[in-house]
Amino acid sequence: MTALDASELCRLLGRWTTGRATLTEDLVAALVELIDAGLVPAGALLPPQRGLATALRVSRGTVTAAYEALEARGHLATNRGSGSRVRSARSQLNGRPSGRLFSFTSAPVDIVDLSTGSLPASPVAADVLGRPLAGELTAYLATDGYFPAGLPVLRQAIADQYTRDGLPTRPQQILVTSGAQQATWLAVTSLAGSGDLVLMEEPTYRGALEAIRATDARVEGLPLSGGGLDVGQVRRALNRKPQTLYCQTAIHNPTGRSMTDAARGELAAVVNDAGLVTIEDTCSADLTLSGPAVARTLAGLVDPELLVTIGSASKLFWGGVRIGWIRASEPWIHGLVELRKAVDLASSVVDQLLAVELIGRTDVARAQRRAMLTDALAATEAELTAAFPDWRWHPIDGGSGLWVDTGQDAVALAEHGKRVGVRLAAGPGFSTYAGQRTFLRLPVWHEPTMLRAGLTALIP
């Protein structure tokens, strides 16, 4: 069980007072934000009240009242003699949304949301979604509408696209899911359970981090080197008997960088030699800014029995079409279908039929996204340089965001942003150990005027 000391929690809290509420109310709000964002995970022991009060330079009564309020809301469980422990998120389902998923809830119109890299619909999606589907639907109306592995026509379309991209694939190797997040959950849940060790990149995609933490698995973050995983660190981590590796060797989220072909080959050799089952997230692989239209992955390099690949229609087309998929060996797919049926019988037939048309226009959509992101990136970098000339970032190979080192406490900056109407995604939310403290992930696709307004509001 994780135990936070007072100094560590103070560091996570940053500038938590607002001046608009009582100290207790401000402390409760700040702690809820950390808990909801996963920066203080379920099961963590909070510091003793007296120690935290001393560290925060407030009265013990303020901390006591805050802990009591958190317990009343279902965020804490307090046992005499053993302290206050953060409760599982399952007890907070009716709470206020925050963290990564807060980006996907309705927000006031006066909020500048710079916390998500999710893209608006591509022109291809707007064209396809603007016409009726009555003809295509007719053939399915006589069925019960449940296709747990996905519509055969969509599985074939996805397999055909992989084959066109140079990776021969059969439809039996595809499982269609209700978005990539479900695909990630299925893959992780099938491989890791309570106490198992899962290796991830540091930083990593926060949606995957949420899915893995929900299994009660142990997570170890491995550093990036030159745009991708440090393969030497992966090799050394094998001594700790990991159950699986989650990685993004194509276009990495949140850094936007890509592993070199040589390093990817070295990683594949380590995975094959160790027999380490690997989940590769390729959801951003279509969003390249130069070079091939789709970034290279581990597929074709790793033994097919060791590789589970996650894909999605959201990045290339639109997140409103809730279609993701898993590519794996046929035995893996059979097992995943059975697991999926326990929680979700099938994806929407309507969304799947739309996805068939969209995937058939993949080449056009890739060109559209590349043109859009290339132009938007140049404008975003110009606005960032003008507003914060000391901020730094590496050039990206693709994706929809920049991983920006602000040189300051980004959590405190995000708290300041909330007070001035700007929503930010601070680095610790992408970290396996609540690190990356000085980083922000900023989207590159906003209109310059909107971005400028948000950045200007952040300037002290």
Protein backbone atom coordinates (compact mmCIF):
# COMPACT_ATOMS: atom_id res chain seq x y z
CA MET A 1 0.00 0.00 0.00
CA THR A 2 1.42 3.42 -0.96
CA ALA A 3 2.01 5.78 1.96
CA LEU A 4 2.47 9.48 1.19
CA ASP A 5 4.53 11.58 3.53
CA ALA A 6 3.51 15.17 4.21
CA SER A 7 6.27 16.74 2.10
CA GLU A 8 5.40 14.58 -0.93
CA LEU A 9 1.71 15.48 -0.69
CA CYS A 10 2.57 19.17 -0.34
CA ARG A 11 4.61 18.93 -3.52
CA LEU A 12 1.65 17.38 -5.35
CA LEU A 13 -0.74 20.00 -3.99
CA GLY A 14 1.34 22.93 -5.19
CA ARG A 15 -0.43 26.29 -4.76
CA TRP A 16 -3.72 24.94 -3.48
CA THR A 17 -5.30 27.99 -1.86
CA THR A 18 -7.63 30.16 -3.95
CA GLY A 19 -8.51 33.02 -1.59
CA ARG A 20 -12.17 32.60 -2.56
CA ALA A 21 -13.15 29.90 -0.06
CA THR A 22 -12.18 28.64 3.37
CA LEU A 23 -8.87 26.82 3.78
CA THR A 24 -10.76 23.59 4.44
CA GLU A 25 -12.83 23.94 1.26
CA ASP A 26 -9.73 24.71 -0.80
CA LEU A 27 -7.84 21.75 0.67
CA VAL A 28 -10.74 19.39 0.00
CA ALA A 29 -11.03 20.58 -3.61
CA ALA A 30 -7.29 20.23 -4.18
CA LEU A 31 -7.17 16.72 -2.70
CA VAL A 32 -10.19 15.60 -4.72
CA GLU A 33 -8.46 16.85 -7.87
CA LEU A 34 -5.37 14.77 -7.08
CA ILE A 35 -7.43 11.67 -6.27
CA ASP A 36 -9.64 11.94 -9.36
CA ALA A 37 -6.60 12.46 -11.58
CA GLY A 38 -4.96 9.34 -10.15
CA LEU A 39 -2.02 11.29 -8.74
CA VAL A 40 -2.97 9.98 -5.30
CA PRO A 41 -4.07 6.45 -6.21
CA ALA A 42 -6.68 4.22 -4.59
CA GLY A 43 -5.23 2.50 -1.53
CA ALA A 44 -2.73 5.27 -0.76
CA LEU A 45 -2.38 6.26 2.90
CA LEU A 46 -2.56 10.01 3.44
CA PRO A 47 -0.16 11.62 5.91
CA PRO A 48 -1.18 11.93 9.56
CA GLN A 49 -3.24 15.05 10.17
CA ARG A 50 -0.74 16.72 12.46
CA GLY A 51 2.17 16.21 10.06
CA LEU A 52 0.25 17.50 7.06
CA ALA A 53 -0.98 20.53 9.01
CA THR A 54 2.62 21.39 9.93
CA ALA A 55 3.81 20.95 6.34
CA LEU A 56 0.99 23.11 4.96
CA ARG A 57 1.31 25.69 7.75
CA VAL A 58 -2.36 25.47 8.68
CA SER A 59 -4.12 24.39 11.82
CA ARG A 60 -4.68 20.71 12.52
CA GLY A 61 -8.40 21.48 12.63
CA THR A 62 -8.29 22.51 8.96
CA VAL A 63 -6.78 19.17 7.95
CA THR A 64 -9.10 17.21 10.25
CA ALA A 65 -12.16 18.90 8.75
CA ALA A 66 -10.85 18.26 5.21
CA TYR A 67 -10.28 14.55 5.91
CA GLU A 68 -13.75 14.25 7.43
CA ALA A 69 -15.31 15.93 4.37
CA LEU A 70 -13.43 13.58 2.04
CA GLU A 71 -14.60 10.58 4.04
CA ALA A 72 -18.20 11.81 3.91
CA ARG A 73 -17.95 12.07 0.10
CA GLY A 74 -16.61 8.54 -0.21
CA HIS A 75 -13.03 9.47 -1.11
CA LEU A 76 -11.40 8.25 2.13
CA ALA A 77 -11.77 5.38 4.55
CA THR A 78 -10.43 6.18 8.03
CA ASN A 79 -9.64 3.48 10.58
CA ARG A 80 -8.47 4.36 14.06
CA GLY A 81 -4.83 3.45 14.43
CA SER A 82 -4.20 2.81 10.73
CA GLY A 83 -4.83 6.22 9.18
CA SER A 84 -6.86 7.52 6.25
CA ARG A 85 -6.74 5.54 3.02
CA VAL A 86 -7.94 6.68 -0.42
CA ARG A 87 -10.91 4.58 -1.43
CA SER A 88 -11.32 2.81 -4.76
CA ALA A 89 -12.78 4.87 -7.59
CA ARG A 90 -15.70 2.42 -7.58
CA SER A 91 -17.03 4.22 -4.51
CA GLN A 92 -16.88 7.58 -6.28
CA LEU A 93 -18.96 6.89 -9.38
CA ASN A 94 -21.36 9.70 -8.58
CA GLY A 95 -18.60 12.21 -7.85
CA ARG A 96 -17.52 15.19 -9.85
CA PRO A 97 -15.66 14.14 -13.00
CA SER A 98 -12.03 15.15 -13.22
CA GLY A 99 -8.68 13.87 -14.46
CA ARG A 100 -8.39 12.64 -18.07
CA LEU A 101 -12.08 11.89 -18.55
CA PHE A 102 -13.07 15.36 -17.35
CA SER A 103 -11.82 16.57 -20.72
CA PHE A 104 -14.66 14.65 -22.34
CA THR A 105 -17.53 16.06 -20.29
CA SER A 106 -19.46 19.22 -21.04
CA ALA A 107 -17.67 22.38 -19.97
CA PRO A 108 -18.73 26.00 -19.67
CA VAL A 109 -18.30 27.96 -22.87
CA ASP A 110 -15.88 30.36 -21.19
CA ILE A 111 -13.39 27.56 -20.41
CA VAL A 112 -10.37 27.26 -22.72
CA ASP A 113 -9.73 23.50 -22.74
CA LEU A 114 -6.06 22.78 -23.42
CA SER A 115 -6.14 19.45 -21.60
CA THR A 116 -7.00 17.04 -24.42
CA GLY A 117 -5.42 16.16 -27.73
CA SER A 118 -8.63 14.68 -29.13
CA LEU A 119 -9.16 16.00 -32.64
CA PRO A 120 -12.32 17.32 -34.31
CA ALA A 121 -13.87 15.26 -37.09
CA SER A 122 -11.81 14.99 -40.27
CA PRO A 123 -13.35 16.11 -43.58
CA VAL A 124 -13.67 12.45 -44.58
CA ALA A 125 -15.68 11.76 -41.43
CA ALA A 126 -17.90 14.79 -42.00
CA ASP A 127 -18.63 13.56 -45.52
CA VAL A 128 -19.40 9.96 -44.53
CA LEU A 129 -21.43 10.88 -41.45
CA GLY A 130 -23.53 13.33 -43.41
CA ARG A 131 -25.37 10.75 -45.46
CA PRO A 132 -28.03 8.17 -44.44
CA LEU A 133 -27.20 4.52 -43.78
CA ALA A 134 -30.64 3.02 -44.36
CA GLY A 135 -29.53 0.80 -47.23
CA GLU A 136 -26.57 -0.74 -45.43
CA LEU A 137 -28.59 -1.29 -42.25
CA THR A 138 -31.39 -3.22 -43.96
CA ALA A 139 -29.37 -6.42 -44.19
CA TYR A 140 -28.82 -6.45 -40.42
CA LEU A 141 -32.35 -5.65 -39.25
CA ALA A 142 -33.37 -9.32 -39.42
CA THR A 143 -30.55 -10.26 -37.01
CA ASP A 144 -30.39 -9.69 -33.24
CA GLY A 145 -27.74 -7.00 -33.84
CA TYR A 146 -25.14 -8.64 -31.56
CA PHE A 147 -21.76 -9.38 -33.14
CA PRO A 148 -19.33 -9.78 -30.19
CA ALA A 149 -16.24 -10.00 -32.39
CA GLY A 150 -17.49 -7.27 -34.72
CA LEU A 151 -19.36 -7.18 -38.02
CA PRO A 152 -17.60 -9.52 -40.47
CA VAL A 153 -17.51 -6.73 -43.06
CA LEU A 154 -15.70 -4.40 -40.63
CA ARG A 155 -13.25 -7.07 -39.47
CA GLN A 156 -12.46 -7.65 -43.13
CA ALA A 157 -12.04 -3.91 -43.80
CA ILE A 158 -9.61 -3.52 -40.89
CA ALA A 159 -7.67 -6.62 -41.94
CA ASP A 160 -7.49 -5.35 -45.52
CA GLN A 161 -6.11 -2.00 -44.36
CA TYR A 162 -3.38 -3.73 -42.35
CA THR A 163 -2.56 -5.80 -45.42
CA ARG A 164 -2.36 -2.69 -47.63
CA ASP A 165 0.01 -1.20 -45.06
CA GLY A 166 2.32 -4.19 -45.48
CA LEU A 167 1.13 -6.42 -42.64
CA PRO A 168 -0.84 -9.39 -43.99
CA THR A 169 -3.84 -9.86 -41.72
CA ARG A 170 -6.90 -12.14 -41.64
CA PRO A 171 -10.26 -10.94 -40.31
CA GLN A 172 -10.07 -13.71 -37.69
CA GLN A 173 -7.16 -11.78 -36.14
CA ILE A 174 -9.38 -8.74 -35.48
CA LEU A 175 -11.70 -7.99 -32.56
CA VAL A 176 -13.82 -4.84 -32.95
CA THR A 177 -14.36 -2.92 -29.70
CA SER A 178 -16.33 0.09 -28.53
CA GLY A 179 -13.34 2.41 -28.76
CA ALA A 180 -9.65 1.98 -28.04
CA GLN A 181 -10.12 2.43 -24.29
CA GLN A 182 -12.22 -0.74 -24.19
CA ALA A 183 -9.62 -2.50 -26.33
CA THR A 184 -6.91 -1.48 -23.86
CA TRP A 185 -8.99 -2.61 -20.89
CA LEU A 186 -9.65 -5.99 -22.49
CA ALA A 187 -5.99 -6.53 -23.35
CA VAL A 188 -4.75 -5.51 -19.91
CA THR A 189 -7.42 -7.43 -18.01
CA SER A 190 -6.69 -10.60 -19.99
CA LEU A 191 -3.01 -10.40 -19.10
CA ALA A 192 -2.55 -8.77 -15.69
CA GLY A 193 -4.18 -9.11 -12.32
CA SER A 194 -3.65 -8.03 -8.75
CA GLY A 195 0.03 -7.96 -7.88
CA ASP A 196 1.30 -8.64 -11.41
CA LEU A 197 4.06 -6.36 -12.70
CA VAL A 198 3.29 -4.35 -15.83
CA LEU A 199 6.06 -2.39 -17.55
CA MET A 200 5.18 0.91 -19.20
CA GLU A 201 6.94 3.89 -20.71
CA GLU A 202 7.59 6.90 -18.49
CA PRO A 203 5.72 9.11 -19.32
CA THR A 204 2.86 7.11 -20.81
CA TYR A 205 -0.68 7.42 -22.18
CA ARG A 206 -2.85 8.26 -19.20
CA GLY A 207 -5.86 6.26 -20.43
CA ALA A 208 -3.77 3.08 -20.42
CA LEU A 209 -2.38 3.96 -17.01
CA GLU A 210 -5.94 4.23 -15.68
CA ALA A 211 -6.89 0.86 -17.19
CA ILE A 212 -3.85 -0.89 -15.74
CA ARG A 213 -4.24 0.61 -12.30
CA ALA A 214 -7.85 -0.60 -12.25
CA THR A 215 -6.55 -4.20 -12.33
CA ASP A 216 -4.55 -3.61 -9.12
CA ALA A 217 -1.43 -4.61 -11.01
CA ARG A 218 1.93 -3.14 -10.05
CA VAL A 219 3.19 -0.58 -12.56
CA GLU A 220 6.81 0.23 -13.30
CA GLY A 221 7.70 3.09 -15.60
CA LEU A 222 10.77 2.76 -17.80
CA PRO A 223 12.47 5.89 -19.16
CA LEU A 224 12.45 7.01 -22.76
CA SER A 225 15.68 7.48 -24.67
CA GLY A 226 15.94 9.14 -28.06
CA GLY A 227 12.19 9.12 -28.63
CA GLY A 228 11.40 5.59 -27.48
CA LEU A 229 11.81 3.07 -24.70
CA ASP A 230 15.29 2.57 -23.29
CA VAL A 231 15.75 -1.04 -24.41
CA GLY A 232 18.52 -1.63 -21.87
CA GLN A 233 16.08 -0.74 -19.11
CA VAL A 234 13.55 -3.22 -20.51
CA ARG A 235 16.20 -5.94 -20.55
CA ARG A 236 17.16 -5.24 -16.92
CA ALA A 237 13.51 -5.15 -15.84
CA LEU A 238 13.08 -8.76 -16.98
CA ASN A 239 14.78 -9.84 -13.75
CA ARG A 240 11.67 -8.60 -11.92
CA LYS A 241 9.45 -11.08 -13.83
CA PRO A 242 6.99 -8.70 -15.53
CA GLN A 243 3.69 -10.09 -16.71
CA THR A 244 3.42 -7.80 -19.73
CA LEU A 245 4.79 -4.68 -21.41
CA TYR A 246 2.59 -1.81 -22.63
CA CYS A 247 4.29 0.48 -25.14
CA GLN A 248 3.85 2.85 -28.10
CA THR A 249 6.77 2.56 -30.50
CA ALA A 250 5.04 4.34 -33.41
CA ILE A 251 3.80 7.80 -32.38
CA HIS A 252 4.06 8.06 -28.62
CA ASN A 253 1.40 9.75 -26.52
CA PRO A 254 2.14 12.19 -24.87
CA THR A 255 5.58 13.00 -26.33
CA GLY A 256 4.68 12.78 -30.04
CA ARG A 257 8.00 11.08 -30.78
CA SER A 258 8.74 7.81 -32.54
CA MET A 259 11.15 5.00 -31.74
CA THR A 260 13.93 4.55 -34.29
CA ASP A 261 13.80 1.46 -36.48
CA ALA A 262 17.03 0.19 -34.94
CA ALA A 263 15.76 0.59 -31.38
CA ARG A 264 12.43 -0.98 -32.30
CA GLY A 265 14.29 -3.99 -33.70
CA GLU A 266 16.30 -4.28 -30.48
CA LEU A 267 13.12 -4.12 -28.41
CA ALA A 268 11.51 -6.82 -30.55
CA ALA A 269 14.52 -9.06 -30.01
CA VAL A 270 14.27 -8.61 -26.22
CA VAL A 271 10.53 -9.34 -26.27
CA ASN A 272 10.99 -12.47 -28.41
CA ASP A 273 13.90 -13.82 -26.37
CA ALA A 274 12.07 -13.29 -23.08
CA GLY A 275 8.65 -14.44 -24.30
CA LEU A 276 7.24 -11.19 -22.90
CA VAL A 277 3.65 -10.61 -24.01
CA THR A 278 3.45 -7.02 -25.26
CA ILE A 279 0.50 -4.67 -25.72
CA GLU A 280 1.35 -2.11 -28.38
CA ASP A 281 -0.89 0.94 -28.65
CA THR A 282 -0.85 2.19 -32.24
CA CYS A 283 -3.79 4.60 -31.99
CA SER A 284 -1.66 7.58 -33.09
CA ALA A 285 0.32 5.71 -35.76
CA ASP A 286 -1.72 7.32 -38.56
CA LEU A 287 -0.84 10.85 -37.43
CA THR A 288 2.63 11.16 -38.94
CA LEU A 289 3.96 14.56 -39.96
CA SER A 290 6.54 13.27 -42.44
CA GLY A 291 7.83 10.01 -43.85
CA PRO A 292 5.46 7.05 -44.25
CA ALA A 293 1.73 7.68 -44.03
CA VAL A 294 1.58 5.29 -41.06
CA ALA A 295 4.36 4.92 -38.51
CA ARG A 296 6.16 1.60 -38.13
CA THR A 297 5.26 -0.67 -35.22
CA LEU A 298 6.38 -3.95 -33.61
CA ALA A 299 4.02 -5.96 -35.81
CA GLY A 300 6.04 -8.16 -38.13
CA LEU A 301 9.03 -8.05 -35.76
CA VAL A 302 7.55 -9.76 -32.70
CA ASP A 303 6.24 -13.32 -32.52
CA PRO A 304 2.48 -12.98 -33.25
CA GLU A 305 1.70 -15.03 -30.14
CA LEU A 306 3.39 -12.37 -28.02
CA LEU A 307 1.86 -9.22 -29.51
CA VAL A 308 -1.53 -7.60 -28.91
CA THR A 309 -2.01 -4.46 -31.03
CA ILE A 310 -4.52 -1.72 -30.18
CA GLY A 311 -6.00 0.42 -32.96
CA SER A 312 -8.68 3.08 -33.24
CA ALA A 313 -10.79 5.09 -35.67
CA SER A 314 -10.90 8.05 -33.27
CA LYS A 315 -7.63 9.81 -34.05
CA LEU A 316 -7.82 9.54 -37.82
CA PHE A 317 -11.55 10.09 -38.29
CA TRP A 318 -13.48 11.20 -35.20
CA GLY A 319 -13.88 10.20 -31.57
CA GLY A 320 -17.66 10.27 -31.97
CA VAL A 321 -17.45 7.02 -33.93
CA ARG A 322 -16.81 4.65 -31.05
CA ILE A 323 -14.80 2.03 -32.86
CA GLY A 324 -11.51 0.54 -31.76
CA TRP A 325 -9.97 -2.85 -32.36
CA ILE A 326 -7.44 -5.42 -31.29
CA ARG A 327 -5.17 -7.28 -33.70
CA ALA A 328 -3.75 -10.49 -32.26
CA SER A 329 -3.36 -14.19 -33.01
CA GLU A 330 -6.60 -16.11 -33.47
CA PRO A 331 -6.38 -17.91 -30.09
CA TRP A 332 -5.93 -14.54 -28.37
CA ILE A 333 -8.94 -13.13 -30.21
CA HIS A 334 -11.14 -16.07 -29.18
CA GLY A 335 -10.27 -15.52 -25.52
CA LEU A 336 -10.76 -11.76 -25.74
CA VAL A 337 -14.20 -12.18 -27.33
CA GLU A 338 -15.30 -14.30 -24.37
CA LEU A 339 -13.96 -11.72 -21.93
CA ARG A 340 -15.64 -8.91 -23.83
CA LYS A 341 -19.05 -10.66 -23.76
CA ALA A 342 -19.03 -10.53 -19.96
CA VAL A 343 -19.12 -6.72 -19.98
CA ASP A 344 -20.32 -5.64 -23.43
CA LEU A 345 -22.13 -7.88 -25.87
CA ALA A 346 -21.19 -5.95 -29.00
CA SER A 347 -20.40 -2.58 -30.54
CA SER A 348 -23.04 -0.47 -32.28
CA VAL A 349 -23.94 -1.84 -35.71
CA VAL A 350 -24.44 1.73 -36.97
CA ASP A 351 -20.98 2.83 -35.84
CA GLN A 352 -19.43 -0.27 -37.36
CA LEU A 353 -21.05 0.33 -40.74
CA LEU A 354 -19.82 3.91 -40.68
CA ALA A 355 -16.35 2.64 -39.80
CA VAL A 356 -16.35 0.36 -42.86
CA GLU A 357 -16.76 3.39 -45.12
CA LEU A 358 -14.28 5.47 -43.15
CA ILE A 359 -11.55 2.84 -43.20
CA GLY A 360 -12.03 2.49 -46.94
CA ARG A 361 -10.92 6.14 -47.19
CA THR A 362 -7.93 5.84 -44.88
CA ASP A 363 -5.40 7.21 -47.40
CA VAL A 364 -7.42 10.40 -47.92
CA ALA A 365 -7.93 10.88 -44.17
CA ARG A 366 -4.22 10.43 -43.47
CA ALA A 367 -3.34 13.13 -45.98
CA GLN A 368 -5.96 15.46 -44.50
CA ARG A 369 -4.75 14.93 -40.93
CA ARG A 370 -1.13 15.45 -41.95
CA ALA A 371 -1.91 18.76 -43.66
CA MET A 372 -4.05 19.94 -40.75
CA LEU A 373 -1.56 18.98 -38.03
CA THR A 374 1.46 20.35 -39.91
CA ASP A 375 -0.16 23.77 -40.27
CA ALA A 376 -1.58 23.75 -36.75
CA LEU A 377 1.75 22.72 -35.22
CA ALA A 378 3.57 25.68 -36.77
CA ALA A 379 0.93 28.09 -35.46
CA THR A 380 0.92 26.51 -32.00
CA GLU A 381 4.70 26.65 -31.67
CA ALA A 382 4.65 30.31 -32.68
CA GLU A 383 2.04 31.13 -30.04
CA LEU A 384 3.90 29.21 -27.34
CA THR A 385 7.19 30.90 -28.15
CA ALA A 386 5.58 34.31 -28.03
CA ALA A 387 3.79 33.73 -24.72
CA PHE A 388 6.40 31.63 -22.90
CA PRO A 389 9.80 31.90 -24.57
CA ASP A 390 11.45 29.84 -21.81
CA TRP A 391 9.29 26.74 -22.39
CA ARG A 392 11.00 23.90 -24.26
CA TRP A 393 9.89 20.83 -26.24
CA HIS A 394 11.38 18.29 -28.62
CA PRO A 395 10.32 18.34 -32.28
CA ILE A 396 7.57 15.76 -32.74
CA ASP A 397 7.18 13.02 -35.35
CA GLY A 398 3.41 13.10 -35.18
CA GLY A 399 0.37 13.05 -32.95
CA SER A 400 -1.91 15.81 -31.77
CA GLY A 401 0.06 17.33 -28.91
CA LEU A 402 3.33 18.74 -27.61
CA TRP A 403 5.09 17.55 -24.46
CA VAL A 404 6.25 20.87 -23.07
CA ASP A 405 8.77 21.39 -20.29
CA THR A 406 7.67 24.59 -18.58
CA GLY A 407 10.63 24.70 -16.20
CA GLN A 408 8.19 25.29 -13.33
CA ASP A 409 5.64 23.42 -11.24
CA ALA A 410 3.10 22.42 -13.90
CA VAL A 411 0.61 21.12 -11.32
CA ALA A 412 0.57 24.53 -9.67
CA LEU A 413 0.25 26.08 -13.12
CA ALA A 414 -2.75 23.83 -13.85
CA GLU A 415 -4.33 24.91 -10.57
CA HIS A 416 -3.75 28.53 -11.54
CA GLY A 417 -5.28 27.75 -14.93
CA LYS A 418 -8.49 26.54 -13.32
CA ARG A 419 -8.83 29.86 -11.53
CA VAL A 420 -8.47 31.83 -14.78
CA GLY A 421 -10.66 29.57 -16.94
CA VAL A 422 -8.00 27.44 -18.65
CA ARG A 423 -7.92 23.65 -18.35
CA LEU A 424 -4.48 22.05 -18.55
CA ALA A 425 -3.09 18.50 -18.41
CA ALA A 426 -0.07 18.45 -16.10
CA GLY A 427 2.75 15.91 -16.41
CA PRO A 428 2.06 13.81 -13.29
CA GLY A 429 -1.18 12.55 -14.85
CA PHE A 430 0.94 10.80 -17.51
CA SER A 431 3.45 9.42 -15.04
CA THR A 432 3.62 6.00 -13.42
CA TYR A 433 4.96 7.57 -10.21
CA ALA A 434 3.42 11.09 -10.26
CA GLY A 435 6.61 12.51 -11.74
CA GLN A 436 7.09 14.67 -14.87
CA ARG A 437 6.30 17.56 -12.58
CA THR A 438 7.40 20.37 -14.89
CA PHE A 439 5.63 19.10 -18.03
CA LEU A 440 2.34 19.96 -19.72
CA ARG A 441 0.74 18.17 -22.63
CA LEU A 442 -0.68 20.82 -24.93
CA PRO A 443 -2.84 20.17 -28.00
CA VAL A 444 -1.58 21.54 -31.31
CA TRP A 445 -4.86 21.82 -33.20
CA HIS A 446 -6.64 24.77 -31.56
CA GLU A 447 -7.26 27.95 -33.50
CA PRO A 448 -4.44 30.42 -32.78
CA THR A 449 -6.84 33.01 -31.34
CA MET A 450 -8.26 30.50 -28.83
CA LEU A 451 -4.81 29.23 -27.92
CA ARG A 452 -3.50 32.77 -27.54
CA ALA A 453 -6.36 33.65 -25.19
CA GLY A 454 -5.65 30.63 -23.02
CA LEU A 455 -1.90 31.20 -22.90
CA THR A 456 -2.30 34.90 -22.19
CA ALA A 457 -4.58 34.11 -19.25
CA LEU A 458 -1.83 31.93 -17.77
CA ILE A 459 0.79 34.68 -17.76
CA PRO A 460 1.27 35.89 -14.15
